[in-house]
Amino acid sequence: MRYLGLDLGSKTLGVAVSDLTGTIATSKTVIHHNEEYDMLVQELKRWIDEYQITAIVLGYPKQLNNSVGEKALLSEAFKQKLEKVYGLPVYLEDERLTTKVATQVLLKHDVTRKKRKQVVDSMAAAVILQSFLDRKEN
């Protein structure tokens, strides 16, 4: 089973993909969008086809107090759109603090500020996906 991991932001979408065994997540790219979600859904077709994706894991930005805010509602709507278009299961994965974790990993590896800004969303998508994969294993 191969998974596609997504970190939906207000201006970008981080993309990560699992290996064929569904064990290891790898960050792939960042797709820029201007809240054009239909275009974004179509852009993902290339990734779904190329990697023969069988399920999608979408970051679910709950608030720190565990409540569901505006961004989480946007993720729920995006989830429904992906399920309708692709007919694949889409799992929501709690993404609280994933950008912070991704930034810390990049800092640890001495990635420059400019480069961090370019890749942090795809790294966050990998953290989201890896969290899902690890939990699924247990």
N, C-alpha and C. Protein backbone atom coordinates (compact mmCIF):
# COMPACT_ATOMS: atom_id res chain seq x y z
N MET A 1 0.85 -1.18 0.00
CA MET A 1 0.00 0.00 0.00
C MET A 1 0.89 1.24 0.00
N ARG A 2 0.64 2.16 -0.89
CA ARG A 2 1.43 3.38 -0.97
C ARG A 2 0.53 4.57 -0.65
N TYR A 3 1.03 5.43 0.25
CA TYR A 3 0.26 6.57 0.74
C TYR A 3 0.83 7.88 0.22
N LEU A 4 -0.08 8.84 0.04
CA LEU A 4 0.28 10.21 -0.29
C LEU A 4 -0.01 11.05 0.96
N GLY A 5 0.99 11.77 1.45
CA GLY A 5 0.81 12.62 2.62
C GLY A 5 0.71 14.07 2.20
N LEU A 6 -0.24 14.80 2.76
CA LEU A 6 -0.48 16.19 2.38
C LEU A 6 -0.56 17.10 3.60
N ASP A 7 0.07 18.26 3.46
CA ASP A 7 -0.01 19.32 4.47
C ASP A 7 -0.59 20.54 3.78
N LEU A 8 -1.90 20.75 3.97
CA LEU A 8 -2.60 21.85 3.30
C LEU A 8 -2.44 23.14 4.10
N GLY A 9 -1.78 24.11 3.47
CA GLY A 9 -1.63 25.42 4.08
C GLY A 9 -2.46 26.44 3.33
N SER A 10 -2.43 27.67 3.80
CA SER A 10 -3.24 28.71 3.16
C SER A 10 -2.71 29.10 1.78
N LYS A 11 -1.42 28.89 1.52
CA LYS A 11 -0.83 29.24 0.23
C LYS A 11 -0.10 28.09 -0.44
N THR A 12 0.21 27.04 0.32
CA THR A 12 0.98 25.93 -0.23
C THR A 12 0.39 24.59 0.21
N LEU A 13 0.77 23.56 -0.52
CA LEU A 13 0.42 22.18 -0.17
C LEU A 13 1.72 21.38 -0.16
N GLY A 14 2.11 20.90 1.01
CA GLY A 14 3.27 20.03 1.10
C GLY A 14 2.88 18.62 0.70
N VAL A 15 3.77 17.95 -0.03
CA VAL A 15 3.48 16.61 -0.54
C VAL A 15 4.59 15.65 -0.10
N ALA A 16 4.17 14.49 0.39
CA ALA A 16 5.09 13.41 0.75
C ALA A 16 4.50 12.10 0.25
N VAL A 17 5.36 11.10 0.07
CA VAL A 17 4.93 9.80 -0.42
C VAL A 17 5.59 8.72 0.43
N SER A 18 4.85 7.64 0.68
CA SER A 18 5.43 6.51 1.41
C SER A 18 6.12 5.58 0.43
N ASP A 19 6.94 4.69 0.98
CA ASP A 19 7.52 3.64 0.16
C ASP A 19 6.43 2.60 -0.13
N LEU A 20 6.76 1.61 -0.93
CA LEU A 20 5.76 0.60 -1.33
C LEU A 20 5.21 -0.20 -0.17
N THR A 21 6.00 -0.34 0.89
CA THR A 21 5.54 -1.12 2.04
C THR A 21 4.69 -0.30 3.00
N GLY A 22 4.57 1.00 2.75
CA GLY A 22 3.80 1.86 3.66
C GLY A 22 4.48 2.02 5.00
N THR A 23 5.82 2.07 4.99
CA THR A 23 6.59 2.15 6.23
C THR A 23 7.31 3.48 6.41
N ILE A 24 7.87 4.01 5.33
CA ILE A 24 8.72 5.21 5.41
C ILE A 24 8.15 6.31 4.53
N ALA A 25 8.04 7.51 5.10
CA ALA A 25 7.55 8.68 4.37
C ALA A 25 8.73 9.51 3.88
N THR A 26 8.61 10.04 2.66
CA THR A 26 9.64 10.89 2.08
C THR A 26 8.99 12.16 1.55
N SER A 27 9.55 13.31 1.92
CA SER A 27 9.01 14.57 1.40
C SER A 27 9.33 14.68 -0.08
N LYS A 28 8.41 15.27 -0.84
CA LYS A 28 8.58 15.34 -2.29
C LYS A 28 8.61 16.77 -2.82
N THR A 29 7.58 17.55 -2.55
CA THR A 29 7.51 18.87 -3.15
C THR A 29 6.54 19.76 -2.39
N VAL A 30 6.51 21.01 -2.81
CA VAL A 30 5.52 21.98 -2.32
C VAL A 30 4.81 22.53 -3.55
N ILE A 31 3.49 22.49 -3.51
CA ILE A 31 2.68 23.04 -4.60
C ILE A 31 2.08 24.35 -4.12
N HIS A 32 2.32 25.41 -4.87
CA HIS A 32 1.76 26.72 -4.52
C HIS A 32 0.37 26.85 -5.12
N HIS A 33 -0.53 27.38 -4.34
CA HIS A 33 -1.90 27.59 -4.81
C HIS A 33 -2.41 28.91 -4.24
N ASN A 34 -3.39 29.47 -4.87
CA ASN A 34 -4.02 30.69 -4.37
C ASN A 34 -5.45 30.37 -3.96
N GLU A 35 -5.55 29.39 -3.08
CA GLU A 35 -6.85 28.89 -2.63
C GLU A 35 -7.69 28.41 -3.80
N GLU A 36 -7.01 27.90 -4.84
CA GLU A 36 -7.67 27.30 -6.00
C GLU A 36 -7.66 25.79 -5.78
N TYR A 37 -8.59 25.33 -4.97
CA TYR A 37 -8.58 23.94 -4.53
C TYR A 37 -8.92 22.96 -5.63
N ASP A 38 -9.75 23.36 -6.59
CA ASP A 38 -10.04 22.47 -7.71
C ASP A 38 -8.78 22.21 -8.53
N MET A 39 -8.00 23.27 -8.77
CA MET A 39 -6.74 23.13 -9.48
C MET A 39 -5.79 22.23 -8.70
N LEU A 40 -5.79 22.40 -7.40
CA LEU A 40 -4.92 21.62 -6.53
C LEU A 40 -5.27 20.13 -6.58
N VAL A 41 -6.55 19.83 -6.56
CA VAL A 41 -7.00 18.44 -6.66
C VAL A 41 -6.52 17.84 -7.99
N GLN A 42 -6.64 18.59 -9.07
CA GLN A 42 -6.20 18.09 -10.37
C GLN A 42 -4.68 17.92 -10.43
N GLU A 43 -3.95 18.81 -9.79
CA GLU A 43 -2.49 18.73 -9.74
C GLU A 43 -2.03 17.44 -9.04
N LEU A 44 -2.81 16.97 -8.07
CA LEU A 44 -2.44 15.76 -7.34
C LEU A 44 -2.59 14.49 -8.17
N LYS A 45 -3.33 14.56 -9.26
CA LYS A 45 -3.52 13.38 -10.12
C LYS A 45 -2.18 12.83 -10.59
N ARG A 46 -1.26 13.72 -10.92
CA ARG A 46 0.07 13.29 -11.39
C ARG A 46 0.76 12.43 -10.33
N TRP A 47 0.67 12.86 -9.06
CA TRP A 47 1.32 12.12 -7.96
C TRP A 47 0.61 10.80 -7.70
N ILE A 48 -0.71 10.83 -7.74
CA ILE A 48 -1.50 9.62 -7.50
C ILE A 48 -1.22 8.57 -8.57
N ASP A 49 -1.16 9.02 -9.83
CA ASP A 49 -0.89 8.09 -10.93
C ASP A 49 0.55 7.60 -10.92
N GLU A 50 1.50 8.53 -10.80
CA GLU A 50 2.92 8.17 -10.87
C GLU A 50 3.33 7.19 -9.78
N TYR A 51 2.82 7.38 -8.56
CA TYR A 51 3.22 6.54 -7.44
C TYR A 51 2.19 5.45 -7.12
N GLN A 52 1.15 5.35 -7.93
CA GLN A 52 0.09 4.35 -7.72
C GLN A 52 -0.40 4.38 -6.27
N ILE A 53 -0.84 5.56 -5.87
CA ILE A 53 -1.31 5.81 -4.51
C ILE A 53 -2.61 5.06 -4.26
N THR A 54 -2.69 4.43 -3.07
CA THR A 54 -3.90 3.69 -2.71
C THR A 54 -4.68 4.36 -1.57
N ALA A 55 -4.06 5.33 -0.89
CA ALA A 55 -4.74 6.07 0.17
C ALA A 55 -4.01 7.39 0.40
N ILE A 56 -4.74 8.35 0.93
CA ILE A 56 -4.20 9.69 1.17
C ILE A 56 -4.30 10.00 2.66
N VAL A 57 -3.25 10.63 3.19
CA VAL A 57 -3.25 11.09 4.58
C VAL A 57 -3.13 12.61 4.54
N LEU A 58 -4.14 13.27 5.06
CA LEU A 58 -4.22 14.72 5.03
C LEU A 58 -4.08 15.28 6.44
N GLY A 59 -3.19 16.24 6.59
CA GLY A 59 -3.01 16.88 7.89
C GLY A 59 -4.31 17.52 8.36
N TYR A 60 -4.60 17.36 9.64
CA TYR A 60 -5.82 17.89 10.24
C TYR A 60 -5.41 18.87 11.33
N PRO A 61 -5.48 20.16 11.03
CA PRO A 61 -4.95 21.18 11.95
C PRO A 61 -5.89 21.54 13.10
N LYS A 62 -6.04 20.60 14.03
CA LYS A 62 -6.83 20.90 15.22
C LYS A 62 -6.09 21.94 16.05
N GLN A 63 -6.84 22.65 16.85
CA GLN A 63 -6.23 23.65 17.72
C GLN A 63 -5.61 22.94 18.93
N LEU A 64 -4.70 23.62 19.61
CA LEU A 64 -4.00 22.99 20.72
C LEU A 64 -4.94 22.50 21.82
N ASN A 65 -6.12 23.12 21.96
CA ASN A 65 -7.08 22.68 22.96
C ASN A 65 -7.98 21.55 22.43
N ASN A 66 -7.61 21.00 21.26
CA ASN A 66 -8.30 19.88 20.62
C ASN A 66 -9.60 20.27 19.92
N SER A 67 -9.91 21.55 19.85
CA SER A 67 -11.13 21.97 19.15
C SER A 67 -10.87 22.08 17.65
N VAL A 68 -11.95 22.11 16.89
CA VAL A 68 -11.88 22.19 15.44
C VAL A 68 -12.16 23.63 15.02
N GLY A 69 -11.20 24.22 14.34
CA GLY A 69 -11.33 25.61 13.90
C GLY A 69 -11.56 25.70 12.40
N GLU A 70 -11.41 26.90 11.89
CA GLU A 70 -11.67 27.18 10.48
C GLU A 70 -10.75 26.38 9.55
N LYS A 71 -9.47 26.27 9.90
CA LYS A 71 -8.53 25.53 9.05
C LYS A 71 -8.85 24.04 9.03
N ALA A 72 -9.28 23.51 10.15
CA ALA A 72 -9.65 22.09 10.20
C ALA A 72 -10.89 21.84 9.33
N LEU A 73 -11.83 22.78 9.35
CA LEU A 73 -13.03 22.65 8.51
C LEU A 73 -12.65 22.68 7.03
N LEU A 74 -11.66 23.50 6.68
CA LEU A 74 -11.16 23.55 5.31
C LEU A 74 -10.55 22.21 4.92
N SER A 75 -9.81 21.59 5.84
CA SER A 75 -9.23 20.27 5.57
C SER A 75 -10.32 19.22 5.40
N GLU A 76 -11.38 19.31 6.19
CA GLU A 76 -12.49 18.36 6.04
C GLU A 76 -13.13 18.49 4.66
N ALA A 77 -13.31 19.72 4.19
CA ALA A 77 -13.90 19.95 2.86
C ALA A 77 -12.96 19.44 1.77
N PHE A 78 -11.66 19.67 1.93
CA PHE A 78 -10.67 19.19 0.95
C PHE A 78 -10.66 17.67 0.93
N LYS A 79 -10.78 17.04 2.07
CA LYS A 79 -10.85 15.58 2.19
C LYS A 79 -12.03 15.05 1.37
N GLN A 80 -13.18 15.66 1.54
CA GLN A 80 -14.38 15.21 0.82
C GLN A 80 -14.19 15.37 -0.69
N LYS A 81 -13.55 16.47 -1.09
CA LYS A 81 -13.31 16.71 -2.52
C LYS A 81 -12.37 15.65 -3.08
N LEU A 82 -11.31 15.32 -2.36
CA LEU A 82 -10.36 14.29 -2.81
C LEU A 82 -11.04 12.93 -2.92
N GLU A 83 -11.85 12.58 -1.93
CA GLU A 83 -12.55 11.29 -1.94
C GLU A 83 -13.50 11.20 -3.12
N LYS A 84 -14.19 12.30 -3.40
CA LYS A 84 -15.17 12.32 -4.49
C LYS A 84 -14.47 12.18 -5.85
N VAL A 85 -13.38 12.90 -6.04
CA VAL A 85 -12.68 12.90 -7.33
C VAL A 85 -11.91 11.60 -7.57
N TYR A 86 -11.21 11.11 -6.55
CA TYR A 86 -10.32 9.97 -6.75
C TYR A 86 -10.85 8.64 -6.23
N GLY A 87 -11.87 8.65 -5.41
CA GLY A 87 -12.41 7.40 -4.89
C GLY A 87 -11.44 6.65 -3.99
N LEU A 88 -10.48 7.36 -3.43
CA LEU A 88 -9.51 6.76 -2.52
C LEU A 88 -9.87 7.12 -1.09
N PRO A 89 -9.51 6.27 -0.13
CA PRO A 89 -9.72 6.67 1.27
C PRO A 89 -8.78 7.82 1.63
N VAL A 90 -9.31 8.79 2.36
CA VAL A 90 -8.51 9.92 2.82
C VAL A 90 -8.63 9.94 4.34
N TYR A 91 -7.48 9.81 5.00
CA TYR A 91 -7.43 9.80 6.46
C TYR A 91 -6.95 11.15 6.96
N LEU A 92 -7.63 11.68 7.97
CA LEU A 92 -7.20 12.92 8.61
C LEU A 92 -6.24 12.58 9.74
N GLU A 93 -5.08 13.22 9.75
CA GLU A 93 -4.06 12.97 10.77
C GLU A 93 -3.76 14.27 11.51
N ASP A 94 -3.87 14.22 12.82
CA ASP A 94 -3.59 15.39 13.65
C ASP A 94 -2.21 15.95 13.29
N GLU A 95 -2.19 17.22 12.94
CA GLU A 95 -0.92 17.81 12.50
C GLU A 95 -0.40 18.88 13.45
N ARG A 96 -0.93 18.93 14.65
CA ARG A 96 -0.46 19.94 15.59
C ARG A 96 1.05 19.83 15.77
N LEU A 97 1.71 20.95 15.65
CA LEU A 97 3.16 21.10 15.87
C LEU A 97 4.04 20.43 14.81
N THR A 98 3.46 19.93 13.71
CA THR A 98 4.30 19.27 12.70
C THR A 98 5.24 20.25 12.00
N THR A 99 4.80 21.47 11.75
CA THR A 99 5.68 22.44 11.12
C THR A 99 6.85 22.76 12.04
N LYS A 100 6.58 22.82 13.33
CA LYS A 100 7.65 23.07 14.30
C LYS A 100 8.65 21.91 14.29
N VAL A 101 8.16 20.68 14.27
CA VAL A 101 9.04 19.51 14.23
C VAL A 101 9.86 19.52 12.94
N ALA A 102 9.20 19.80 11.82
CA ALA A 102 9.90 19.83 10.53
C ALA A 102 10.99 20.90 10.53
N THR A 103 10.69 22.06 11.08
CA THR A 103 11.67 23.14 11.15
C THR A 103 12.86 22.72 12.02
N GLN A 104 12.59 22.06 13.14
CA GLN A 104 13.67 21.61 14.01
C GLN A 104 14.59 20.60 13.31
N VAL A 105 13.99 19.71 12.53
CA VAL A 105 14.80 18.74 11.79
C VAL A 105 15.68 19.46 10.79
N LEU A 106 15.12 20.43 10.08
CA LEU A 106 15.89 21.17 9.09
C LEU A 106 17.00 21.99 9.74
N LEU A 107 16.71 22.58 10.90
CA LEU A 107 17.73 23.33 11.64
C LEU A 107 18.86 22.40 12.09
N LYS A 108 18.49 21.24 12.54
CA LYS A 108 19.49 20.27 13.00
C LYS A 108 20.46 19.90 11.88
N HIS A 109 19.96 19.92 10.67
CA HIS A 109 20.79 19.57 9.51
C HIS A 109 21.37 20.81 8.81
N ASP A 110 21.38 21.94 9.53
CA ASP A 110 21.99 23.19 9.03
C ASP A 110 21.45 23.65 7.68
N VAL A 111 20.16 23.47 7.46
CA VAL A 111 19.53 23.96 6.23
C VAL A 111 19.35 25.47 6.38
N THR A 112 19.73 26.21 5.36
CA THR A 112 19.65 27.67 5.43
C THR A 112 18.21 28.14 5.55
N ARG A 113 18.02 29.34 6.06
CA ARG A 113 16.68 29.89 6.25
C ARG A 113 15.91 29.93 4.93
N LYS A 114 16.57 30.36 3.86
CA LYS A 114 15.92 30.45 2.55
C LYS A 114 15.46 29.07 2.08
N LYS A 115 16.31 28.09 2.22
CA LYS A 115 15.97 26.73 1.80
C LYS A 115 14.89 26.13 2.70
N ARG A 116 14.96 26.41 4.02
CA ARG A 116 13.94 25.92 4.96
C ARG A 116 12.57 26.39 4.53
N LYS A 117 12.47 27.67 4.17
CA LYS A 117 11.19 28.24 3.78
C LYS A 117 10.62 27.52 2.56
N GLN A 118 11.50 27.06 1.69
CA GLN A 118 11.06 26.38 0.46
C GLN A 118 10.61 24.94 0.71
N VAL A 119 11.16 24.29 1.73
CA VAL A 119 10.89 22.86 1.89
C VAL A 119 10.13 22.48 3.16
N VAL A 120 9.90 23.44 4.05
CA VAL A 120 9.30 23.08 5.35
C VAL A 120 7.92 22.45 5.20
N ASP A 121 7.12 22.87 4.22
CA ASP A 121 5.79 22.29 4.06
C ASP A 121 5.83 20.84 3.57
N SER A 122 6.78 20.54 2.68
CA SER A 122 6.88 19.14 2.24
C SER A 122 7.44 18.27 3.37
N MET A 123 8.32 18.84 4.18
CA MET A 123 8.85 18.12 5.33
C MET A 123 7.73 17.89 6.35
N ALA A 124 6.87 18.89 6.54
CA ALA A 124 5.72 18.73 7.46
C ALA A 124 4.79 17.64 6.94
N ALA A 125 4.60 17.56 5.62
CA ALA A 125 3.77 16.50 5.04
C ALA A 125 4.37 15.14 5.34
N ALA A 126 5.71 15.04 5.29
CA ALA A 126 6.39 13.78 5.61
C ALA A 126 6.21 13.43 7.08
N VAL A 127 6.26 14.43 7.96
CA VAL A 127 6.06 14.19 9.40
C VAL A 127 4.63 13.70 9.65
N ILE A 128 3.67 14.32 9.01
CA ILE A 128 2.26 13.91 9.13
C ILE A 128 2.09 12.47 8.66
N LEU A 129 2.64 12.18 7.49
CA LEU A 129 2.50 10.84 6.93
C LEU A 129 3.23 9.81 7.80
N GLN A 130 4.44 10.13 8.25
CA GLN A 130 5.19 9.18 9.07
C GLN A 130 4.47 8.91 10.39
N SER A 131 3.87 9.93 10.96
CA SER A 131 3.10 9.76 12.19
C SER A 131 1.95 8.77 11.97
N PHE A 132 1.26 8.92 10.86
CA PHE A 132 0.16 8.00 10.51
C PHE A 132 0.69 6.58 10.33
N LEU A 133 1.78 6.45 9.58
CA LEU A 133 2.35 5.12 9.30
C LEU A 133 2.81 4.44 10.58
N ASP A 134 3.46 5.20 11.47
CA ASP A 134 3.93 4.63 12.74
C ASP A 134 2.77 4.15 13.60
N ARG A 135 1.72 4.97 13.65
CA ARG A 135 0.54 4.62 14.45
C ARG A 135 -0.16 3.40 13.86
N LYS A 136 -0.22 3.33 12.55
CA LYS A 136 -0.84 2.21 11.86
C LYS A 136 -0.11 0.90 12.15
N GLU A 137 1.21 0.96 12.24
CA GLU A 137 2.02 -0.23 12.54
C GLU A 137 1.71 -0.77 13.93
N ASN A 138 1.44 0.13 14.88
CA ASN A 138 1.17 -0.30 16.25
C ASN A 138 -0.30 -0.58 16.39
